[in-house]
Amino acid sequence: MLHYQSKVSEESKMRSPDRVLKLEIIDGKKPLTASGLVDTRLFKSGEEGNLLHAVMDTQTSLWSLRYDKGAIPPALEGKFTGFKQAFDHAKNYFEKRNIRITQVVD
């Protein structure tokens, strides 16, 4: 009898199609943008806070980034074929602004 053992990647395991990316300012540095401002609500919790989500469209299976409150910066707009691509895009964007992603909550 043959036994088939499947190798499943982390990305293909069933996880939430809406994942929150937790952010923090890199120690000793100020958050930067082209205009000099970053939505400071991203570093607060509760009613005063704002969250960054990586969300999969269940019809197209494409991922995008969005905030709970307000519009995301144009540089974060786009569609991604997988969560990893959306995560990497957000990671690169925020690292240039002295901010890091500390946790993914799904």
PDB file of N, CA and C in Angstrom:
ATOM      1  N   MET A   1       0.824  -1.164   0.000  1.00  0.00           N
ATOM      2  CA  MET A   1       0.000   0.000   0.000  1.00  0.00           C
ATOM      3  C   MET A   1       0.882   1.246   0.000  1.00  0.00           C
ATOM      4  N   LEU A   2       0.593   2.198  -0.875  1.00  0.00           N
ATOM      5  CA  LEU A   2       1.353   3.433  -0.962  1.00  0.00           C
ATOM      6  C   LEU A   2       0.806   4.461   0.018  1.00  0.00           C
ATOM      7  N   HIS A   3       1.715   5.160   0.631  1.00  0.00           N
ATOM      8  CA  HIS A   3       1.334   6.255   1.516  1.00  0.00           C
ATOM      9  C   HIS A   3       1.776   7.544   0.869  1.00  0.00           C
ATOM     10  N   TYR A   4       0.845   8.455   0.737  1.00  0.00           N
ATOM     11  CA  TYR A   4       1.144   9.739   0.132  1.00  0.00           C
ATOM     12  C   TYR A   4       1.258  10.764   1.244  1.00  0.00           C
ATOM     13  N   GLN A   5       2.413  11.435   1.298  1.00  0.00           N
ATOM     14  CA  GLN A   5       2.607  12.457   2.308  1.00  0.00           C
ATOM     15  C   GLN A   5       2.719  13.808   1.607  1.00  0.00           C
ATOM     16  N   SER A   6       1.790  14.681   1.877  1.00  0.00           N
ATOM     17  CA  SER A   6       1.755  16.000   1.257  1.00  0.00           C
ATOM     18  C   SER A   6       2.604  16.980   2.052  1.00  0.00           C
ATOM     19  N   LYS A   7       3.359  17.784   1.333  1.00  0.00           N
ATOM     20  CA  LYS A   7       4.091  18.864   1.976  1.00  0.00           C
ATOM     21  C   LYS A   7       3.295  20.137   1.750  1.00  0.00           C
ATOM     22  N   VAL A   8       2.808  20.712   2.836  1.00  0.00           N
ATOM     23  CA  VAL A   8       1.964  21.894   2.754  1.00  0.00           C
ATOM     24  C   VAL A   8       2.773  23.101   3.232  1.00  0.00           C
ATOM     25  N   SER A   9       2.793  24.143   2.430  1.00  0.00           N
ATOM     26  CA  SER A   9       3.501  25.350   2.824  1.00  0.00           C
ATOM     27  C   SER A   9       2.693  26.102   3.869  1.00  0.00           C
ATOM     28  N   GLU A  10       3.361  26.954   4.644  1.00  0.00           N
ATOM     29  CA  GLU A  10       2.687  27.770   5.654  1.00  0.00           C
ATOM     30  C   GLU A  10       1.606  28.630   5.025  1.00  0.00           C
ATOM     31  N   GLU A  11       1.882  29.194   3.842  1.00  0.00           N
ATOM     32  CA  GLU A  11       0.930  30.105   3.214  1.00  0.00           C
ATOM     33  C   GLU A  11      -0.338  29.396   2.767  1.00  0.00           C
ATOM     34  N   SER A  12      -0.247  28.105   2.422  1.00  0.00           N
ATOM     35  CA  SER A  12      -1.419  27.424   1.897  1.00  0.00           C
ATOM     36  C   SER A  12      -2.320  26.846   2.983  1.00  0.00           C
ATOM     37  N   LYS A  13      -1.865  26.840   4.244  1.00  0.00           N
ATOM     38  CA  LYS A  13      -2.720  26.352   5.321  1.00  0.00           C
ATOM     39  C   LYS A  13      -3.895  27.295   5.494  1.00  0.00           C
ATOM     40  N   MET A  14      -5.022  26.744   5.860  1.00  0.00           N
ATOM     41  CA  MET A  14      -6.222  27.554   6.028  1.00  0.00           C
ATOM     42  C   MET A  14      -6.012  28.544   7.167  1.00  0.00           C
ATOM     43  N   ARG A  15      -6.022  29.810   6.818  1.00  0.00           N
ATOM     44  CA  ARG A  15      -5.897  30.875   7.793  1.00  0.00           C
ATOM     45  C   ARG A  15      -6.906  31.941   7.425  1.00  0.00           C
ATOM     46  N   SER A  16      -7.018  32.922   8.272  1.00  0.00           N
ATOM     47  CA  SER A  16      -8.007  33.971   8.064  1.00  0.00           C
ATOM     48  C   SER A  16      -7.718  34.788   6.802  1.00  0.00           C
ATOM     49  N   PRO A  17      -8.758  35.137   6.045  1.00  0.00           N
ATOM     50  CA  PRO A  17      -8.568  36.005   4.880  1.00  0.00           C
ATOM     51  C   PRO A  17      -8.466  37.481   5.266  1.00  0.00           C
ATOM     52  N   ASP A  18      -8.505  37.780   6.572  1.00  0.00           N
ATOM     53  CA  ASP A  18      -8.339  39.140   7.073  1.00  0.00           C
ATOM     54  C   ASP A  18      -7.336  39.083   8.215  1.00  0.00           C
ATOM     55  N   ARG A  19      -6.121  39.550   7.959  1.00  0.00           N
ATOM     56  CA  ARG A  19      -5.054  39.479   8.960  1.00  0.00           C
ATOM     57  C   ARG A  19      -4.606  40.886   9.329  1.00  0.00           C
ATOM     58  N   VAL A  20      -4.432  41.114  10.607  1.00  0.00           N
ATOM     59  CA  VAL A  20      -4.006  42.421  11.111  1.00  0.00           C
ATOM     60  C   VAL A  20      -2.485  42.417  11.243  1.00  0.00           C
ATOM     61  N   LEU A  21      -1.852  43.460  10.695  1.00  0.00           N
ATOM     62  CA  LEU A  21      -0.410  43.625  10.815  1.00  0.00           C
ATOM     63  C   LEU A  21      -0.149  44.660  11.904  1.00  0.00           C
ATOM     64  N   LYS A  22       0.446  44.221  13.012  1.00  0.00           N
ATOM     65  CA  LYS A  22       0.752  45.109  14.140  1.00  0.00           C
ATOM     66  C   LYS A  22       2.066  45.831  13.842  1.00  0.00           C
ATOM     67  N   LEU A  23       2.091  47.133  14.116  1.00  0.00           N
ATOM     68  CA  LEU A  23       3.241  47.973  13.796  1.00  0.00           C
ATOM     69  C   LEU A  23       3.819  48.612  15.049  1.00  0.00           C
ATOM     70  N   GLU A  24       5.127  48.916  15.011  1.00  0.00           N
ATOM     71  CA  GLU A  24       5.754  49.701  16.067  1.00  0.00           C
ATOM     72  C   GLU A  24       6.874  50.535  15.457  1.00  0.00           C
ATOM     73  N   ILE A  25       7.149  51.656  16.099  1.00  0.00           N
ATOM     74  CA  ILE A  25       8.236  52.522  15.662  1.00  0.00           C
ATOM     75  C   ILE A  25       9.544  51.862  16.056  1.00  0.00           C
ATOM     76  N   ILE A  26      10.524  51.877  15.154  1.00  0.00           N
ATOM     77  CA  ILE A  26      11.844  51.325  15.461  1.00  0.00           C
ATOM     78  C   ILE A  26      12.471  52.199  16.540  1.00  0.00           C
ATOM     79  N   ASP A  27      13.011  51.558  17.573  1.00  0.00           N
ATOM     80  CA  ASP A  27      13.549  52.258  18.746  1.00  0.00           C
ATOM     81  C   ASP A  27      14.470  53.415  18.373  1.00  0.00           C
ATOM     82  N   GLY A  28      14.205  54.541  19.006  1.00  0.00           N
ATOM     83  CA  GLY A  28      15.074  55.696  18.854  1.00  0.00           C
ATOM     84  C   GLY A  28      14.931  56.455  17.551  1.00  0.00           C
ATOM     85  N   LYS A  29      13.948  56.124  16.739  1.00  0.00           N
ATOM     86  CA  LYS A  29      13.781  56.797  15.459  1.00  0.00           C
ATOM     87  C   LYS A  29      12.365  57.333  15.343  1.00  0.00           C
ATOM     88  N   LYS A  30      12.203  58.348  14.519  1.00  0.00           N
ATOM     89  CA  LYS A  30      10.878  58.910  14.268  1.00  0.00           C
ATOM     90  C   LYS A  30      10.314  58.295  13.000  1.00  0.00           C
ATOM     91  N   PRO A  31       8.999  58.081  12.949  1.00  0.00           N
ATOM     92  CA  PRO A  31       8.412  57.585  11.692  1.00  0.00           C
ATOM     93  C   PRO A  31       8.513  58.654  10.612  1.00  0.00           C
ATOM     94  N   LEU A  32       8.835  58.230   9.394  1.00  0.00           N
ATOM     95  CA  LEU A  32       9.035  59.143   8.280  1.00  0.00           C
ATOM     96  C   LEU A  32       8.117  58.817   7.112  1.00  0.00           C
ATOM     97  N   THR A  33       7.714  59.841   6.389  1.00  0.00           N
ATOM     98  CA  THR A  33       7.069  59.677   5.092  1.00  0.00           C
ATOM     99  C   THR A  33       7.548  60.819   4.223  1.00  0.00           C
ATOM    100  N   ALA A  34       7.161  60.813   2.975  1.00  0.00           N
ATOM    101  CA  ALA A  34       7.547  61.898   2.077  1.00  0.00           C
ATOM    102  C   ALA A  34       7.042  63.235   2.622  1.00  0.00           C
ATOM    103  N   SER A  35       5.865  63.228   3.249  1.00  0.00           N
ATOM    104  CA  SER A  35       5.307  64.462   3.798  1.00  0.00           C
ATOM    105  C   SER A  35       5.728  64.687   5.246  1.00  0.00           C
ATOM    106  N   GLY A  36       6.426  63.712   5.831  1.00  0.00           N
ATOM    107  CA  GLY A  36       6.870  63.831   7.211  1.00  0.00           C
ATOM    108  C   GLY A  36       5.869  63.323   8.228  1.00  0.00           C
ATOM    109  N   LEU A  37       4.724  62.788   7.784  1.00  0.00           N
ATOM    110  CA  LEU A  37       3.691  62.340   8.710  1.00  0.00           C
ATOM    111  C   LEU A  37       3.338  60.877   8.500  1.00  0.00           C
ATOM    112  N   VAL A  38       3.051  60.196   9.590  1.00  0.00           N
ATOM    113  CA  VAL A  38       2.516  58.835   9.573  1.00  0.00           C
ATOM    114  C   VAL A  38       1.304  58.857  10.485  1.00  0.00           C
ATOM    115  N   ASP A  39       0.262  58.117  10.136  1.00  0.00           N
ATOM    116  CA  ASP A  39      -0.929  58.057  10.979  1.00  0.00           C
ATOM    117  C   ASP A  39      -0.530  57.483  12.335  1.00  0.00           C
ATOM    118  N   THR A  40      -0.443  58.338  13.348  1.00  0.00           N
ATOM    119  CA  THR A  40       0.008  57.899  14.671  1.00  0.00           C
ATOM    120  C   THR A  40      -0.988  56.972  15.351  1.00  0.00           C
ATOM    121  N   ARG A  41      -2.220  56.913  14.846  1.00  0.00           N
ATOM    122  CA  ARG A  41      -3.205  55.987  15.411  1.00  0.00           C
ATOM    123  C   ARG A  41      -2.788  54.534  15.189  1.00  0.00           C
ATOM    124  N   LEU A  42      -1.875  54.278  14.242  1.00  0.00           N
ATOM    125  CA  LEU A  42      -1.403  52.917  13.987  1.00  0.00           C
ATOM    126  C   LEU A  42      -0.649  52.345  15.182  1.00  0.00           C
ATOM    127  N   PHE A  43      -0.198  53.206  16.094  1.00  0.00           N
ATOM    128  CA  PHE A  43       0.581  52.760  17.250  1.00  0.00           C
ATOM    129  C   PHE A  43      -0.235  52.791  18.544  1.00  0.00           C
ATOM    130  N   LYS A  44      -1.542  53.071  18.421  1.00  0.00           N
ATOM    131  CA  LYS A  44      -2.430  53.116  19.576  1.00  0.00           C
ATOM    132  C   LYS A  44      -3.405  51.953  19.513  1.00  0.00           C
ATOM    133  N   SER A  45      -4.020  51.638  20.648  1.00  0.00           N
ATOM    134  CA  SER A  45      -5.011  50.568  20.669  1.00  0.00           C
ATOM    135  C   SER A  45      -6.365  51.136  21.092  1.00  0.00           C
ATOM    136  N   GLY A  46      -7.372  50.313  20.980  1.00  0.00           N
ATOM    137  CA  GLY A  46      -8.710  50.709  21.384  1.00  0.00           C
ATOM    138  C   GLY A  46      -9.367  51.656  20.402  1.00  0.00           C
ATOM    139  N   GLU A  47     -10.286  52.465  20.915  1.00  0.00           N
ATOM    140  CA  GLU A  47     -11.057  53.399  20.087  1.00  0.00           C
ATOM    141  C   GLU A  47     -10.172  54.410  19.363  1.00  0.00           C
ATOM    142  N   GLU A  48      -9.061  54.788  19.983  1.00  0.00           N
ATOM    143  CA  GLU A  48      -8.177  55.796  19.402  1.00  0.00           C
ATOM    144  C   GLU A  48      -7.241  55.212  18.349  1.00  0.00           C
ATOM    145  N   GLY A  49      -7.186  53.905  18.250  1.00  0.00           N
ATOM    146  CA  GLY A  49      -6.236  53.268  17.357  1.00  0.00           C
ATOM    147  C   GLY A  49      -6.754  53.068  15.941  1.00  0.00           C
ATOM    148  N   ASN A  50      -5.852  52.648  15.091  1.00  0.00           N
ATOM    149  CA  ASN A  50      -6.154  52.309  13.709  1.00  0.00           C
ATOM    150  C   ASN A  50      -5.348  51.059  13.387  1.00  0.00           C
ATOM    151  N   LEU A  51      -5.919  50.145  12.624  1.00  0.00           N
ATOM    152  CA  LEU A  51      -5.242  48.893  12.312  1.00  0.00           C
ATOM    153  C   LEU A  51      -4.994  48.758  10.821  1.00  0.00           C
ATOM    154  N   LEU A  52      -3.874  48.126  10.485  1.00  0.00           N
ATOM    155  CA  LEU A  52      -3.544  47.799   9.104  1.00  0.00           C
ATOM    156  C   LEU A  52      -3.936  46.344   8.868  1.00  0.00           C
ATOM    157  N   HIS A  53      -4.745  46.110   7.841  1.00  0.00           N
ATOM    158  CA  HIS A  53      -5.202  44.762   7.503  1.00  0.00           C
ATOM    159  C   HIS A  53      -4.645  44.333   6.156  1.00  0.00           C
ATOM    160  N   ALA A  54      -4.304  43.062   6.045  1.00  0.00           N
ATOM    161  CA  ALA A  54      -4.077  42.412   4.760  1.00  0.00           C
ATOM    162  C   ALA A  54      -5.324  41.553   4.546  1.00  0.00           C
ATOM    163  N   VAL A  55      -6.066  41.831   3.472  1.00  0.00           N
ATOM    164  CA  VAL A  55      -7.368  41.209   3.261  1.00  0.00           C
ATOM    165  C   VAL A  55      -7.398  40.506   1.908  1.00  0.00           C
ATOM    166  N   MET A  56      -7.907  39.257   1.914  1.00  0.00           N
ATOM    167  CA  MET A  56      -8.054  38.508   0.670  1.00  0.00           C
ATOM    168  C   MET A  56      -9.477  38.647   0.152  1.00  0.00           C
ATOM    169  N   ASP A  57      -9.615  39.019  -1.108  1.00  0.00           N
ATOM    170  CA  ASP A  57     -10.924  39.048  -1.768  1.00  0.00           C
ATOM    171  C   ASP A  57     -11.287  37.598  -2.075  1.00  0.00           C
ATOM    172  N   THR A  58     -12.359  37.104  -1.499  1.00  0.00           N
ATOM    173  CA  THR A  58     -12.708  35.685  -1.647  1.00  0.00           C
ATOM    174  C   THR A  58     -13.151  35.333  -3.063  1.00  0.00           C
ATOM    175  N   GLN A  59     -13.519  36.329  -3.873  1.00  0.00           N
ATOM    176  CA  GLN A  59     -13.911  36.047  -5.255  1.00  0.00           C
ATOM    177  C   GLN A  59     -12.717  35.941  -6.191  1.00  0.00           C
ATOM    178  N   THR A  60     -11.701  36.791  -5.966  1.00  0.00           N
ATOM    179  CA  THR A  60     -10.541  36.797  -6.869  1.00  0.00           C
ATOM    180  C   THR A  60      -9.305  36.148  -6.259  1.00  0.00           C
ATOM    181  N   SER A  61      -9.315  35.929  -4.953  1.00  0.00           N
ATOM    182  CA  SER A  61      -8.175  35.404  -4.188  1.00  0.00           C
ATOM    183  C   SER A  61      -6.980  36.356  -4.193  1.00  0.00           C
ATOM    184  N   LEU A  62      -7.204  37.619  -4.542  1.00  0.00           N
ATOM    185  CA  LEU A  62      -6.136  38.611  -4.500  1.00  0.00           C
ATOM    186  C   LEU A  62      -6.158  39.325  -3.152  1.00  0.00           C
ATOM    187  N   TRP A  63      -4.970  39.655  -2.667  1.00  0.00           N
ATOM    188  CA  TRP A  63      -4.810  40.322  -1.387  1.00  0.00           C
ATOM    189  C   TRP A  63      -4.615  41.815  -1.593  1.00  0.00           C
ATOM    190  N   SER A  64      -5.086  42.601  -0.627  1.00  0.00           N
ATOM    191  CA  SER A  64      -4.850  44.039  -0.631  1.00  0.00           C
ATOM    192  C   SER A  64      -4.677  44.494   0.813  1.00  0.00           C
ATOM    193  N   LEU A  65      -4.201  45.730   0.970  1.00  0.00           N
ATOM    194  CA  LEU A  65      -3.980  46.308   2.287  1.00  0.00           C
ATOM    195  C   LEU A  65      -5.016  47.397   2.528  1.00  0.00           C
ATOM    196  N   ARG A  66      -5.476  47.529   3.767  1.00  0.00           N
ATOM    197  CA  ARG A  66      -6.429  48.584   4.099  1.00  0.00           C
ATOM    198  C   ARG A  66      -6.300  48.932   5.574  1.00  0.00           C
ATOM    199  N   TYR A  67      -6.747  50.138   5.912  1.00  0.00           N
ATOM    200  CA  TYR A  67      -6.828  50.592   7.296  1.00  0.00           C
ATOM    201  C   TYR A  67      -8.267  50.428   7.772  1.00  0.00           C
ATOM    202  N   ASP A  68      -8.445  50.321   9.084  1.00  0.00           N
ATOM    203  CA  ASP A  68      -9.787  50.369   9.661  1.00  0.00           C
ATOM    204  C   ASP A  68     -10.421  51.732   9.415  1.00  0.00           C
ATOM    205  N   LYS A  69      -9.626  52.775   9.597  1.00  0.00           N
ATOM    206  CA  LYS A  69     -10.116  54.153   9.500  1.00  0.00           C
ATOM    207  C   LYS A  69      -9.296  54.906   8.457  1.00  0.00           C
ATOM    208  N   GLY A  70      -9.958  55.456   7.481  1.00  0.00           N
ATOM    209  CA  GLY A  70      -9.279  56.277   6.485  1.00  0.00           C
ATOM    210  C   GLY A  70      -8.697  55.470   5.332  1.00  0.00           C
ATOM    211  N   ALA A  71      -8.146  56.210   4.393  1.00  0.00           N
ATOM    212  CA  ALA A  71      -7.562  55.594   3.193  1.00  0.00           C
ATOM    213  C   ALA A  71      -6.079  55.323   3.416  1.00  0.00           C
ATOM    214  N   ILE A  72      -5.611  54.233   2.831  1.00  0.00           N
ATOM    215  CA  ILE A  72      -4.182  53.933   2.922  1.00  0.00           C
ATOM    216  C   ILE A  72      -3.414  54.832   1.954  1.00  0.00           C
ATOM    217  N   PRO A  73      -2.130  55.044   2.200  1.00  0.00           N
ATOM    218  CA  PRO A  73      -1.319  55.843   1.275  1.00  0.00           C
ATOM    219  C   PRO A  73      -1.289  55.176  -0.108  1.00  0.00           C
ATOM    220  N   PRO A  74      -1.216  55.972  -1.171  1.00  0.00           N
ATOM    221  CA  PRO A  74      -1.194  55.408  -2.525  1.00  0.00           C
ATOM    222  C   PRO A  74      -0.112  54.341  -2.736  1.00  0.00           C
ATOM    223  N   ALA A  75       1.011  54.480  -2.056  1.00  0.00           N
ATOM    224  CA  ALA A  75       2.101  53.503  -2.217  1.00  0.00           C
ATOM    225  C   ALA A  75       1.743  52.122  -1.678  1.00  0.00           C
ATOM    226  N   LEU A  76       0.721  52.044  -0.811  1.00  0.00           N
ATOM    227  CA  LEU A  76       0.301  50.744  -0.274  1.00  0.00           C
ATOM    228  C   LEU A  76      -0.860  50.137  -1.052  1.00  0.00           C
ATOM    229  N   GLU A  77      -1.421  50.896  -1.988  1.00  0.00           N
ATOM    230  CA  GLU A  77      -2.523  50.369  -2.791  1.00  0.00           C
ATOM    231  C   GLU A  77      -1.982  49.321  -3.757  1.00  0.00           C
ATOM    232  N   GLY A  78      -2.803  48.399  -4.108  1.00  0.00           N
ATOM    233  CA  GLY A  78      -2.413  47.371  -5.063  1.00  0.00           C
ATOM    234  C   GLY A  78      -3.066  46.051  -4.726  1.00  0.00           C
ATOM    235  N   LYS A  79      -2.913  45.112  -5.624  1.00  0.00           N
ATOM    236  CA  LYS A  79      -3.430  43.753  -5.445  1.00  0.00           C
ATOM    237  C   LYS A  79      -2.240  42.804  -5.505  1.00  0.00           C
ATOM    238  N   PHE A  80      -2.283  41.796  -4.655  1.00  0.00           N
ATOM    239  CA  PHE A  80      -1.174  40.858  -4.537  1.00  0.00           C
ATOM    240  C   PHE A  80      -1.698  39.434  -4.658  1.00  0.00           C
ATOM    241  N   THR A  81      -0.914  38.566  -5.287  1.00  0.00           N
ATOM    242  CA  THR A  81      -1.363  37.198  -5.533  1.00  0.00           C
ATOM    243  C   THR A  81      -1.300  36.315  -4.297  1.00  0.00           C
ATOM    244  N   GLY A  82      -0.641  36.757  -3.261  1.00  0.00           N
ATOM    245  CA  GLY A  82      -0.572  35.972  -2.038  1.00  0.00           C
ATOM    246  C   GLY A  82      -0.329  36.857  -0.836  1.00  0.00           C
ATOM    247  N   PHE A  83      -0.577  36.303   0.353  1.00  0.00           N
ATOM    248  CA  PHE A  83      -0.359  37.062   1.577  1.00  0.00           C
ATOM    249  C   PHE A  83       1.099  37.472   1.704  1.00  0.00           C
ATOM    250  N   LYS A  84       2.005  36.584   1.378  1.00  0.00           N
ATOM    251  CA  LYS A  84       3.439  36.889   1.509  1.00  0.00           C
ATOM    252  C   LYS A  84       3.820  38.113   0.698  1.00  0.00           C
ATOM    253  N   GLN A  85       3.290  38.245  -0.512  1.00  0.00           N
ATOM    254  CA  GLN A  85       3.606  39.398  -1.341  1.00  0.00           C
ATOM    255  C   GLN A  85       3.045  40.682  -0.715  1.00  0.00           C
ATOM    256  N   ALA A  86       1.821  40.631  -0.191  1.00  0.00           N
ATOM    257  CA  ALA A  86       1.225  41.796   0.473  1.00  0.00           C
ATOM    258  C   ALA A  86       2.025  42.164   1.718  1.00  0.00           C
ATOM    259  N   PHE A  87       2.402  41.155   2.506  1.00  0.00           N
ATOM    260  CA  PHE A  87       3.192  41.369   3.719  1.00  0.00           C
ATOM    261  C   PHE A  87       4.534  42.006   3.370  1.00  0.00           C
ATOM    262  N   ASP A  88       5.237  41.442   2.381  1.00  0.00           N
ATOM    263  CA  ASP A  88       6.553  41.964   1.996  1.00  0.00           C
ATOM    264  C   ASP A  88       6.458  43.404   1.498  1.00  0.00           C
ATOM    265  N   HIS A  89       5.402  43.716   0.754  1.00  0.00           N
ATOM    266  CA  HIS A  89       5.212  45.080   0.257  1.00  0.00           C
ATOM    267  C   HIS A  89       5.026  46.045   1.431  1.00  0.00           C
ATOM    268  N   ALA A  90       4.170  45.682   2.388  1.00  0.00           N
ATOM    269  CA  ALA A  90       3.953  46.522   3.572  1.00  0.00           C
ATOM    270  C   ALA A  90       5.234  46.634   4.397  1.00  0.00           C
ATOM    271  N   LYS A  91       5.939  45.538   4.551  1.00  0.00           N
ATOM    272  CA  LYS A  91       7.179  45.526   5.333  1.00  0.00           C
ATOM    273  C   LYS A  91       8.197  46.495   4.732  1.00  0.00           C
ATOM    274  N   ASN A  92       8.394  46.423   3.420  1.00  0.00           N
ATOM    275  CA  ASN A  92       9.349  47.314   2.756  1.00  0.00           C
ATOM    276  C   ASN A  92       8.920  48.771   2.869  1.00  0.00           C
ATOM    277  N   TYR A  93       7.641  49.041   2.695  1.00  0.00           N
ATOM    278  CA  TYR A  93       7.106  50.399   2.791  1.00  0.00           C
ATOM    279  C   TYR A  93       7.365  50.986   4.173  1.00  0.00           C
ATOM    280  N   PHE A  94       7.021  50.238   5.220  1.00  0.00           N
ATOM    281  CA  PHE A  94       7.143  50.763   6.572  1.00  0.00           C
ATOM    282  C   PHE A  94       8.586  50.813   7.060  1.00  0.00           C
ATOM    283  N   GLU A  95       9.441  49.872   6.640  1.00  0.00           N
ATOM    284  CA  GLU A  95      10.845  49.917   7.061  1.00  0.00           C
ATOM    285  C   GLU A  95      11.527  51.192   6.577  1.00  0.00           C
ATOM    286  N   LYS A  96      11.149  51.682   5.406  1.00  0.00           N
ATOM    287  CA  LYS A  96      11.706  52.934   4.890  1.00  0.00           C
ATOM    288  C   LYS A  96      11.241  54.124   5.718  1.00  0.00           C
ATOM    289  N   ARG A  97      10.235  53.910   6.550  1.00  0.00           N
ATOM    290  CA  ARG A  97       9.670  54.970   7.388  1.00  0.00           C
ATOM    291  C   ARG A  97       9.954  54.734   8.873  1.00  0.00           C
ATOM    292  N   ASN A  98      10.965  53.904   9.170  1.00  0.00           N
ATOM    293  CA  ASN A  98      11.388  53.610  10.544  1.00  0.00           C
ATOM    294  C   ASN A  98      10.289  52.933  11.369  1.00  0.00           C
ATOM    295  N   ILE A  99       9.526  52.080  10.709  1.00  0.00           N
ATOM    296  CA  ILE A  99       8.451  51.340  11.372  1.00  0.00           C
ATOM    297  C   ILE A  99       8.607  49.871  11.000  1.00  0.00           C
ATOM    298  N   ARG A 100       8.344  48.990  11.938  1.00  0.00           N
ATOM    299  CA  ARG A 100       8.436  47.553  11.632  1.00  0.00           C
ATOM    300  C   ARG A 100       7.128  46.857  11.972  1.00  0.00           C
ATOM    301  N   ILE A 101       6.886  45.759  11.271  1.00  0.00           N
ATOM    302  CA  ILE A 101       5.754  44.893  11.573  1.00  0.00           C
ATOM    303  C   ILE A 101       6.210  43.919  12.638  1.00  0.00           C
ATOM    304  N   THR A 102       5.500  43.914  13.764  1.00  0.00           N
ATOM    305  CA  THR A 102       5.923  43.072  14.885  1.00  0.00           C
ATOM    306  C   THR A 102       5.131  41.788  15.009  1.00  0.00           C
ATOM    307  N   GLN A 103       3.926  41.767  14.423  1.00  0.00           N
ATOM    308  CA  GLN A 103       3.060  40.610  14.619  1.00  0.00           C
ATOM    309  C   GLN A 103       2.001  40.568  13.529  1.00  0.00           C
ATOM    310  N   VAL A 104       1.601  39.355  13.175  1.00  0.00           N
ATOM    311  CA  VAL A 104       0.469  39.143  12.278  1.00  0.00           C
ATOM    312  C   VAL A 104      -0.596  38.403  13.074  1.00  0.00           C
ATOM    313  N   VAL A 105      -1.780  39.001  13.164  1.00  0.00           N
ATOM    314  CA  VAL A 105      -2.888  38.411  13.913  1.00  0.00           C
ATOM    315  C   VAL A 105      -3.940  37.974  12.923  1.00  0.00           C
ATOM    316  N   ASP A 106      -4.268  36.660  12.926  1.00  0.00           N
ATOM    317  CA  ASP A 106      -5.320  36.198  12.020  1.00  0.00           C
ATOM    318  C   ASP A 106      -6.391  35.438  12.751  1.00  0.00           C
TER     319      ASP A 106
END
